[in-house]
């Protein structure tokens, strides 16, 4: 029987095409960040607050956040802020945050962020209702006011309900929605954050806050769901 070189060439050509396709797919996957759709994160932080007079409060906070089921650092940041109490119900607040954010290749990038808040607090017997409207902008590097570089802006609405009838412990629940603005997209509601927790006031030694909740993307085919466990300490003087 005569050899059929066409058949051997066809088999070799098929294997060559398959290998090239596999290589292309592998390179494409390596070039993209793999989206994590389920994760458990730990957010820890410590802050100091100094009240000046009856209306002004200055703060400085340091946080470290962990991702991938609390197995590695996600980012860490330093934030300085100031709050002005307009009256017993309304307050204005502003803050600046410098972040070292860990990328998928384990290198770090610098991020700068500022936010401006309008806050309302009202009390109904043993229930305290709080609303916060926040505008925030974050960029890579330090050029916060340069409109030519990539940035993310959010408008955030948060409602918190607290039970304030205990002397030292304050349980609360909150819900927040994030509206995202980017230079190349229409405004969209990006995700929601739901959490519940307690604040324990130790008076002379400051206060501890424990919370558990989740972030969930909105309007995604495969929405990411991140569970959050938060532990924060604040010392006031």
Foldseek 3Di string as FASTA:
>chain_A
DDDDVVVVVVVVVVVVVVVVVVVVVVVVVVVDDDDAQEKEKEKEKEKEWEDDPDFKIKMKMKIWMAIRHRPGTAKIKIKIKMKGDPDPFKIKMKMKMWMFGADPVRHTFIKIKMKIKIKTWDDDVQKIKIKIWMKMKMFTDDCRPDLVGWIKIKTKIKIKIWGRPDDFKIKIKMKMWIWIDTPVDDIDTFKMKIKIWMKGQPPQAFIKIWMWIWIWTPPDPRIHIYIYTYIYTYHYD
